[in-house]
Each structure stands twice: as structure tokens, then as C-alpha cells.
Protein backbone atom coordinates (compact mmCIF):
# COMPACT_ATOMS: atom_id res chain seq x y z
CA UNK A 1 81.90 121.81 85.55
CA UNK A 2 85.71 121.38 83.76
CA UNK A 3 88.42 120.63 85.88
CA UNK A 4 90.97 120.41 83.15
CA UNK A 5 93.91 123.00 83.87
CA UNK A 6 96.82 123.83 82.08
CA UNK A 7 99.18 126.14 84.82
CA UNK A 8 102.29 127.94 82.95
CA UNK A 9 104.68 129.72 85.63
CA UNK A 10 106.21 133.16 84.06
CA UNK A 11 108.78 135.20 85.26
CA UNK A 12 107.03 138.24 85.34
CA UNK A 13 104.16 140.67 84.45
CA UNK A 14 105.68 141.57 81.37
CA UNK A 15 105.98 137.91 80.16
CA UNK A 16 102.32 137.08 81.79
CA UNK A 17 100.80 139.78 79.60
CA UNK A 18 102.74 138.82 76.48
CA UNK A 19 101.72 135.35 76.87
CA UNK A 20 98.03 136.00 77.66
CA UNK A 21 98.13 138.49 74.69
CA UNK A 22 99.64 135.38 72.29
CA UNK A 23 96.86 133.40 73.35
CA UNK A 24 94.02 135.93 72.66
CA UNK A 25 95.57 136.33 68.98
CA UNK A 26 95.58 132.82 68.41
CA UNK A 27 92.03 132.95 68.98
CA UNK A 28 91.65 131.01 72.47
CA UNK A 29 88.50 131.94 74.26
CA UNK A 30 89.24 134.80 77.13
CA UNK A 31 87.08 133.32 79.41
CA UNK A 32 89.16 130.39 79.81
CA UNK A 33 92.20 131.96 80.30
CA UNK A 34 93.19 133.95 83.63
CA UNK A 35 96.29 135.61 85.30
CA UNK A 36 97.39 134.79 88.64
CA UNK A 37 99.82 136.87 90.45
CA UNK A 38 100.04 140.78 91.57
CA UNK A 39 97.72 142.60 90.25
CA UNK A 40 95.53 140.07 89.38
CA UNK A 41 93.66 136.93 90.83
CA UNK A 42 95.27 135.23 93.72
CA UNK A 43 95.27 131.17 93.80
CA UNK A 44 92.61 131.32 96.44
CA UNK A 45 90.03 133.71 94.43
CA UNK A 46 90.79 131.56 91.68
CA UNK A 47 90.22 127.69 93.42
CA UNK A 48 93.02 126.70 91.39
CA UNK A 49 93.84 123.40 91.95
CA UNK A 50 91.25 122.38 95.23
CA UNK A 51 92.71 119.45 97.08
CA UNK A 52 89.59 118.59 99.30
CA UNK A 53 87.49 117.98 96.68
CA UNK A 54 90.12 115.60 94.80
CA UNK A 55 90.69 113.70 97.93
CA UNK A 56 87.11 113.28 98.81
CA UNK A 57 86.18 111.86 95.35
CA UNK A 58 89.24 109.36 95.28
CA UNK A 59 88.06 108.32 98.82
CA UNK A 60 84.77 107.58 97.63
CA UNK A 61 86.10 105.76 94.70
CA UNK A 62 88.17 103.72 97.07
CA UNK A 63 85.28 102.79 99.31
CA UNK A 64 83.11 101.34 96.90
CA UNK A 65 85.92 98.41 96.47
CA UNK A 66 87.35 98.25 99.94
CA UNK A 67 84.16 98.26 102.03
CA UNK A 68 82.97 95.23 100.55
CA UNK A 69 86.32 93.16 99.96
CA UNK A 70 86.83 94.35 103.58
CA UNK A 71 83.40 92.51 104.65
CA UNK A 72 84.44 89.41 102.59
CA UNK A 73 87.72 89.44 104.12
CA UNK A 74 86.65 89.61 107.38
CA UNK A 75 83.90 86.91 107.39
CA UNK A 76 86.07 84.78 104.86
CA UNK A 77 88.97 85.05 107.84
CA UNK A 78 86.24 84.52 110.82
CA UNK A 79 84.90 81.16 108.52
CA UNK A 80 88.95 80.13 107.91
CA UNK A 81 90.30 80.34 111.41
CA UNK A 82 87.45 79.16 113.19
CA UNK A 83 88.12 81.42 116.24
CA UNK A 84 84.91 82.55 117.62
CA UNK A 85 86.13 85.92 118.45
CA UNK A 86 82.33 86.85 119.32
CA UNK A 87 80.88 83.81 120.64
CA UNK A 88 78.34 85.38 122.40
CA UNK A 89 76.47 86.45 118.93
CA UNK A 90 76.38 82.42 117.67
CA UNK A 91 77.82 81.23 114.37
CA UNK A 92 76.66 83.38 112.15
CA UNK A 93 76.56 86.28 114.20
CA UNK A 94 80.16 85.83 114.78
CA UNK A 95 81.08 85.79 110.75
CA UNK A 96 78.94 89.03 110.28
CA UNK A 97 80.44 90.85 112.96
CA UNK A 98 83.81 90.32 112.00
CA UNK A 99 82.66 90.85 108.12
CA UNK A 100 81.52 94.29 109.19
CA UNK A 101 84.78 94.92 110.90
CA UNK A 102 86.43 94.23 107.83
CA UNK A 103 84.23 96.84 106.56
CA UNK A 104 85.34 99.37 108.83
CA UNK A 105 88.80 98.60 108.14
CA UNK A 106 88.00 98.84 104.49
CA UNK A 107 86.58 102.29 105.04
CA UNK A 108 89.51 103.65 106.89
CA UNK A 109 91.89 102.63 103.79
CA UNK A 110 89.78 104.52 101.95
CA UNK A 111 89.83 107.79 104.03
CA UNK A 112 93.59 107.06 105.02
CA UNK A 113 95.33 105.87 101.72
CA UNK A 114 92.58 107.16 98.81
CA UNK A 115 92.28 110.48 99.69
CA UNK A 116 92.92 111.43 103.64
CA UNK A 117 96.08 112.98 103.01
CA UNK A 118 94.70 115.54 100.21
CA UNK A 119 92.24 116.71 102.78
CA UNK A 120 94.35 116.98 105.49
CA UNK A 121 97.69 118.62 103.71
CA UNK A 122 96.56 119.78 100.26
CA UNK A 123 98.39 119.04 97.10
CA UNK A 124 102.11 118.51 95.96
CA UNK A 125 101.52 121.59 93.78
CA UNK A 126 99.73 124.16 95.46
CA UNK A 127 101.86 125.10 98.13
CA UNK A 128 105.12 125.68 95.36
CA UNK A 129 102.56 127.76 92.98
CA UNK A 130 101.54 130.09 95.61
CA UNK A 131 105.68 130.62 96.61
CA UNK A 132 106.26 131.39 93.23
CA UNK A 133 103.23 133.92 93.71
CA UNK A 134 104.75 135.19 96.91
CA UNK A 135 107.89 135.72 95.05
CA UNK A 136 106.83 138.27 92.42
CA UNK A 137 106.27 135.31 89.78
CA UNK A 138 103.05 135.38 87.51
CA UNK A 139 100.90 132.22 86.30
CA UNK A 140 98.79 131.90 83.39
CA UNK A 141 96.12 129.19 83.64
CA UNK A 142 94.08 127.78 81.02
CA UNK A 143 90.66 126.08 82.08
CA UNK A 144 89.19 123.95 79.24
CA UNK A 145 89.13 120.40 77.34
CA UNK A 146 92.36 118.68 76.17
CA UNK A 147 92.41 119.81 72.96
CA UNK A 148 92.26 123.34 73.97
CA UNK A 149 94.86 122.49 76.89
CA UNK A 150 97.31 121.10 73.79
CA UNK A 151 96.60 124.12 71.62
CA UNK A 152 97.46 126.37 74.79
CA UNK A 153 100.82 124.37 75.40
CA UNK A 154 102.09 124.68 72.05
CA UNK A 155 101.65 128.53 72.04
CA UNK A 156 102.59 129.07 75.64
CA UNK A 157 105.87 126.99 75.27
CA UNK A 158 106.85 130.15 72.76
CA UNK A 159 107.00 132.32 75.44
CA UNK A 160 109.68 130.20 77.49
CA UNK A 161 107.80 129.62 80.88
CA UNK A 162 109.59 128.05 83.84
CA UNK A 163 107.24 125.33 84.16
CA UNK A 164 104.05 124.09 82.64
CA UNK A 165 101.83 121.64 84.14
CA UNK A 166 98.52 119.68 82.93
CA UNK A 167 95.87 118.76 85.44
CA UNK A 168 93.05 116.55 84.07
CA UNK A 169 90.17 115.71 86.47
CA UNK A 170 90.71 111.67 86.01
CA UNK A 171 87.50 111.72 88.27
CA UNK A 172 84.90 113.33 86.06
């Protein structure tokens, strides 16, 4: 699945339909172009910018590094300080438990810093796009390769959109 998008904000339905027609005349595949707004698809129907999916990918990516580093950090701290925090587990057990606690800290970091905010609160752009559609504006969304998005950007700039934003999935 390709998660590369171009989103152009247009002031009204006539401008959105003109932009769609211009993209069609320039040979862009219509299956890759969608109009969002009143009378067309909604953001929810289209599934634009799923913050949960992106946040989960980022959290998993960070966990692959933070969990092992947390273990090494926790065990290393235990060895260097010689505190014997878990003396009941013996010397080696003390270091292993400290490492496991460090791993838990790394896992928490990957969730809270790596993606937890996106899971809970959405992306910075999804809410403003919804607000623009609620205000009667329209979005043209082009989905495809980076080359296709560059072509669409060049074409859509002629339509004088309020905003053009490109989103690429860096976790592909």
C-alpha cells in the first residue's frame, strides 16, 4: 500500500472540479485523484492521514533501539554503582533485574515519545483539514509515487490553491 499523498486545499467546489479536470487533461490516473468535501468523500471515508498507523510504526521503530539500550543502561548502571538494589536476587540477578527495568523504561520511551502522542491526539494536519472542509472548502488528494506527486504539484499550483502539502511514508 502506498502512503504518499499530496493534499491541495481549494476555496470552493468550482475550483476543486477545475483542478480535477486539469489533472485529468494532463494524463494523471483518475484512480489516484480524489476530491474531499461537501458532495464528495469525507476525510473519514477516504482515510486521510491515519495518525494511529503512523504512530504505531514510529513507536515500534524506536522500541527496536530503546529496549536493548535500556537493558544495557540498566545493567550497566547496576554494575557501575554497585548499589545492590535487588540484593535478594544475588549479584547476577541484581544486574539482570536492573537491566529488565531499563528495558521497561526504553519501551515506555518508545511509546510516549515515539508515537503515543499521535495515537492519542492525531496529527497536526488532520484537524485543520477537517475544519477547512467544515468551512465549505474542498481538498484534492493525489495518492501515488513521489514522481506522480511532483507532477500533480506542478499542475495544481496553476489552480492557485490555499495550501499544498505532501505527505510521504518514511516507514515503508
